[in-house]
Amino acid sequence: MAIKRRNRVSASFSMSSMTDLVFLLLIFFMITSTVVTPSAIKLLLPKSSSQAAAKPITRVFIDEGINFYVATGKEKERQVEFEEIEPFLQSVVAEEPEMYIALYADESVPYREIVRVLNIANKNKFKLVIATRPSRE
């Protein structure tokens, strides 16, 4: 009498448990990535093709000689020392909370000088834009 096996062993592999694990990992990383806050300076970069000023703007200029100038509205630029920039911007933003600060820097200005002004804006939570000139395409 020949004994036959009723249960056959299947040679196929089930991927359902693997896909469950992948989806759980995906959800885990999506949730944890929203909790992490980047420590970068946030900038609102204007488009070079057309610039429109919808909000009031205060301007900070840095020329090739690393001289700092400030101006508000239609006021003419006046030269200031670097230490005077932060109190000036704080007083302007206190008067107009929706004020944008535009940073105009010459191409030859070292990056560290631009970052010094960006740090002031980041520390005080100012809205800062970097001014560019239109590209000639």
Foldseek 3Di string as FASTA:
>chain_A
DDDDDPDDDDPDDDCVVVVVVVVVVVVVVVVVVVVDDDPDQDADEDDQADDDDPDWEKEWEQELVRWIWIDGDPGDIDTDDPVVVLVVVVVVCVVPVVYEYEYEYDPNDDPVSVVSVSVSCRVVVHHYYYDDHHDDD
